[in-house]
Amino acid sequence: MKAKKAAVQSKDRDMGAALRSIYQKTVDENVPDEMISLLGKLG
């Protein structure tokens, strides 16, 4: 049972690391000028 629990915890850690990496890449991505222009027209 301990091996199964350790495997699940390892998968959870890997999933968390992957999600944090994707989130950080999204946050670091530049917003295209066209999108900024469009948002300016809405406000």
PDB file of N, CA and C in Angstrom:
ATOM      1  N   MET A   1       0.816  -1.206   0.000  1.00  0.00           N
ATOM      2  CA  MET A   1       0.000   0.000   0.000  1.00  0.00           C
ATOM      3  C   MET A   1       0.857   1.266   0.000  1.00  0.00           C
ATOM      4  N   LYS A   2       2.004   1.230   0.720  1.00  0.00           N
ATOM      5  CA  LYS A   2       2.866   2.414   0.788  1.00  0.00           C
ATOM      6  C   LYS A   2       3.439   2.750  -0.582  1.00  0.00           C
ATOM      7  N   ALA A   3       3.762   1.717  -1.367  1.00  0.00           N
ATOM      8  CA  ALA A   3       4.319   1.960  -2.698  1.00  0.00           C
ATOM      9  C   ALA A   3       3.287   2.650  -3.589  1.00  0.00           C
ATOM     10  N   LYS A   4       2.038   2.230  -3.470  1.00  0.00           N
ATOM     11  CA  LYS A   4       0.969   2.835  -4.276  1.00  0.00           C
ATOM     12  C   LYS A   4       0.769   4.297  -3.871  1.00  0.00           C
ATOM     13  N   LYS A   5       0.783   4.549  -2.562  1.00  0.00           N
ATOM     14  CA  LYS A   5       0.619   5.921  -2.073  1.00  0.00           C
ATOM     15  C   LYS A   5       1.781   6.795  -2.542  1.00  0.00           C
ATOM     16  N   ALA A   6       2.997   6.265  -2.506  1.00  0.00           N
ATOM     17  CA  ALA A   6       4.170   7.013  -2.957  1.00  0.00           C
ATOM     18  C   ALA A   6       4.074   7.310  -4.448  1.00  0.00           C
ATOM     19  N   ALA A   7       3.562   6.354  -5.222  1.00  0.00           N
ATOM     20  CA  ALA A   7       3.414   6.563  -6.664  1.00  0.00           C
ATOM     21  C   ALA A   7       2.403   7.669  -6.948  1.00  0.00           C
ATOM     22  N   VAL A   8       1.305   7.676  -6.203  1.00  0.00           N
ATOM     23  CA  VAL A   8       0.278   8.713  -6.376  1.00  0.00           C
ATOM     24  C   VAL A   8       0.850  10.076  -6.000  1.00  0.00           C
ATOM     25  N   GLN A   9       1.592  10.140  -4.897  1.00  0.00           N
ATOM     26  CA  GLN A   9       2.197  11.403  -4.468  1.00  0.00           C
ATOM     27  C   GLN A   9       3.198  11.896  -5.504  1.00  0.00           C
ATOM     28  N   SER A  10       3.949  10.983  -6.108  1.00  0.00           N
ATOM     29  CA  SER A  10       4.917  11.352  -7.137  1.00  0.00           C
ATOM     30  C   SER A  10       4.203  11.926  -8.362  1.00  0.00           C
ATOM     31  N   LYS A  11       3.107  11.264  -8.774  1.00  0.00           N
ATOM     32  CA  LYS A  11       2.332  11.767  -9.913  1.00  0.00           C
ATOM     33  C   LYS A  11       1.736  13.136  -9.599  1.00  0.00           C
ATOM     34  N   ASP A  12       1.243  13.304  -8.366  1.00  0.00           N
ATOM     35  CA  ASP A  12       0.685  14.600  -7.959  1.00  0.00           C
ATOM     36  C   ASP A  12       1.738  15.692  -8.019  1.00  0.00           C
ATOM     37  N   ARG A  13       2.951  15.375  -7.547  1.00  0.00           N
ATOM     38  CA  ARG A  13       4.051  16.343  -7.588  1.00  0.00           C
ATOM     39  C   ARG A  13       4.403  16.711  -9.026  1.00  0.00           C
ATOM     40  N   ASP A  14       4.476  15.689  -9.889  1.00  0.00           N
ATOM     41  CA  ASP A  14       4.793  15.927 -11.299  1.00  0.00           C
ATOM     42  C   ASP A  14       3.718  16.780 -11.971  1.00  0.00           C
ATOM     43  N   MET A  15       2.463  16.484 -11.668  1.00  0.00           N
ATOM     44  CA  MET A  15       1.353  17.254 -12.244  1.00  0.00           C
ATOM     45  C   MET A  15       1.405  18.692 -11.760  1.00  0.00           C
ATOM     46  N   GLY A  16       1.663  18.880 -10.484  1.00  0.00           N
ATOM     47  CA  GLY A  16       1.766  20.230  -9.933  1.00  0.00           C
ATOM     48  C   GLY A  16       2.891  21.011 -10.576  1.00  0.00           C
ATOM     49  N   ALA A  17       4.028  20.365 -10.759  1.00  0.00           N
ATOM     50  CA  ALA A  17       5.175  21.032 -11.392  1.00  0.00           C
ATOM     51  C   ALA A  17       4.841  21.408 -12.837  1.00  0.00           C
ATOM     52  N   ALA A  18       4.166  20.514 -13.557  1.00  0.00           N
ATOM     53  CA  ALA A  18       3.796  20.799 -14.947  1.00  0.00           C
ATOM     54  C   ALA A  18       2.816  21.969 -15.020  1.00  0.00           C
ATOM     55  N   LEU A  19       1.832  21.992 -14.135  1.00  0.00           N
ATOM     56  CA  LEU A  19       0.853  23.082 -14.129  1.00  0.00           C
ATOM     57  C   LEU A  19       1.502  24.417 -13.774  1.00  0.00           C
ATOM     58  N   ARG A  20       2.423  24.404 -12.795  1.00  0.00           N
ATOM     59  CA  ARG A  20       3.115  25.645 -12.434  1.00  0.00           C
ATOM     60  C   ARG A  20       3.959  26.150 -13.600  1.00  0.00           C
ATOM     61  N   SER A  21       4.599  25.241 -14.316  1.00  0.00           N
ATOM     62  CA  SER A  21       5.421  25.620 -15.464  1.00  0.00           C
ATOM     63  C   SER A  21       4.568  26.250 -16.569  1.00  0.00           C
ATOM     64  N   ILE A  22       3.446  25.633 -16.880  1.00  0.00           N
ATOM     65  CA  ILE A  22       2.545  26.165 -17.912  1.00  0.00           C
ATOM     66  C   ILE A  22       2.004  27.529 -17.496  1.00  0.00           C
ATOM     67  N   TYR A  23       1.606  27.648 -16.238  1.00  0.00           N
ATOM     68  CA  TYR A  23       1.086  28.919 -15.730  1.00  0.00           C
ATOM     69  C   TYR A  23       2.151  30.012 -15.863  1.00  0.00           C
ATOM     70  N   GLN A  24       3.385  29.719 -15.456  1.00  0.00           N
ATOM     71  CA  GLN A  24       4.448  30.721 -15.503  1.00  0.00           C
ATOM     72  C   GLN A  24       4.746  31.146 -16.938  1.00  0.00           C
ATOM     73  N   LYS A  25       4.744  30.188 -17.864  1.00  0.00           N
ATOM     74  CA  LYS A  25       4.970  30.523 -19.276  1.00  0.00           C
ATOM     75  C   LYS A  25       3.865  31.442 -19.794  1.00  0.00           C
ATOM     76  N   THR A  26       2.631  31.197 -19.366  1.00  0.00           N
ATOM     77  CA  THR A  26       1.500  32.025 -19.777  1.00  0.00           C
ATOM     78  C   THR A  26       1.630  33.441 -19.207  1.00  0.00           C
ATOM     79  N   VAL A  27       2.004  33.538 -17.945  1.00  0.00           N
ATOM     80  CA  VAL A  27       2.171  34.845 -17.302  1.00  0.00           C
ATOM     81  C   VAL A  27       3.287  35.643 -17.973  1.00  0.00           C
ATOM     82  N   ASP A  28       4.355  34.957 -18.375  1.00  0.00           N
ATOM     83  CA  ASP A  28       5.516  35.623 -18.975  1.00  0.00           C
ATOM     84  C   ASP A  28       5.307  36.001 -20.441  1.00  0.00           C
ATOM     85  N   GLU A  29       4.260  35.467 -21.057  1.00  0.00           N
ATOM     86  CA  GLU A  29       4.016  35.707 -22.477  1.00  0.00           C
ATOM     87  C   GLU A  29       3.632  37.168 -22.725  1.00  0.00           C
ATOM     88  N   ASN A  30       4.158  37.733 -23.791  1.00  0.00           N
ATOM     89  CA  ASN A  30       3.835  39.113 -24.153  1.00  0.00           C
ATOM     90  C   ASN A  30       2.428  39.200 -24.732  1.00  0.00           C
ATOM     91  N   VAL A  31       1.744  40.296 -24.450  1.00  0.00           N
ATOM     92  CA  VAL A  31       0.422  40.544 -25.020  1.00  0.00           C
ATOM     93  C   VAL A  31       0.630  41.241 -26.365  1.00  0.00           C
ATOM     94  N   PRO A  32       0.070  40.692 -27.437  1.00  0.00           N
ATOM     95  CA  PRO A  32       0.239  41.314 -28.763  1.00  0.00           C
ATOM     96  C   PRO A  32      -0.324  42.738 -28.790  1.00  0.00           C
ATOM     97  N   ASP A  33       0.322  43.612 -29.550  1.00  0.00           N
ATOM     98  CA  ASP A  33      -0.115  45.005 -29.674  1.00  0.00           C
ATOM     99  C   ASP A  33      -1.565  45.110 -30.133  1.00  0.00           C
ATOM    100  N   GLU A  34      -1.981  44.202 -31.026  1.00  0.00           N
ATOM    101  CA  GLU A  34      -3.363  44.226 -31.518  1.00  0.00           C
ATOM    102  C   GLU A  34      -4.365  44.010 -30.377  1.00  0.00           C
ATOM    103  N   MET A  35      -3.999  43.143 -29.445  1.00  0.00           N
ATOM    104  CA  MET A  35      -4.893  42.866 -28.305  1.00  0.00           C
ATOM    105  C   MET A  35      -4.952  44.076 -27.378  1.00  0.00           C
ATOM    106  N   ILE A  36      -3.827  44.700 -27.144  1.00  0.00           N
ATOM    107  CA  ILE A  36      -3.804  45.894 -26.295  1.00  0.00           C
ATOM    108  C   ILE A  36      -4.636  47.000 -26.929  1.00  0.00           C
ATOM    109  N   SER A  37      -4.521  47.164 -28.243  1.00  0.00           N
ATOM    110  CA  SER A  37      -5.310  48.153 -28.962  1.00  0.00           C
ATOM    111  C   SER A  37      -6.796  47.873 -28.840  1.00  0.00           C
ATOM    112  N   LEU A  38      -7.172  46.614 -29.017  1.00  0.00           N
ATOM    113  CA  LEU A  38      -8.571  46.228 -28.909  1.00  0.00           C
ATOM    114  C   LEU A  38      -9.105  46.480 -27.507  1.00  0.00           C
ATOM    115  N   LEU A  39      -8.326  46.136 -26.490  1.00  0.00           N
ATOM    116  CA  LEU A  39      -8.743  46.370 -25.106  1.00  0.00           C
ATOM    117  C   LEU A  39      -8.893  47.869 -24.823  1.00  0.00           C
ATOM    118  N   GLY A  40      -8.029  48.682 -25.435  1.00  0.00           N
ATOM    119  CA  GLY A  40      -8.116  50.142 -25.262  1.00  0.00           C
ATOM    120  C   GLY A  40      -9.401  50.687 -25.849  1.00  0.00           C
ATOM    121  N   LYS A  41      -9.875  50.095 -26.920  1.00  0.00           N
ATOM    122  CA  LYS A  41     -11.113  50.555 -27.548  1.00  0.00           C
ATOM    123  C   LYS A  41     -12.338  50.196 -26.705  1.00  0.00           C
ATOM    124  N   LEU A  42     -12.230  49.155 -25.911  1.00  0.00           N
ATOM    125  CA  LEU A  42     -13.365  48.739 -25.082  1.00  0.00           C
ATOM    126  C   LEU A  42     -13.549  49.633 -23.857  1.00  0.00           C
ATOM    127  N   GLY A  43     -12.456  50.209 -23.381  1.00  0.00           N
ATOM    128  CA  GLY A  43     -12.516  50.982 -22.133  1.00  0.00           C
ATOM    129  C   GLY A  43     -12.653  52.397 -22.306  1.00  0.00           C
TER     130      GLY A  43
END
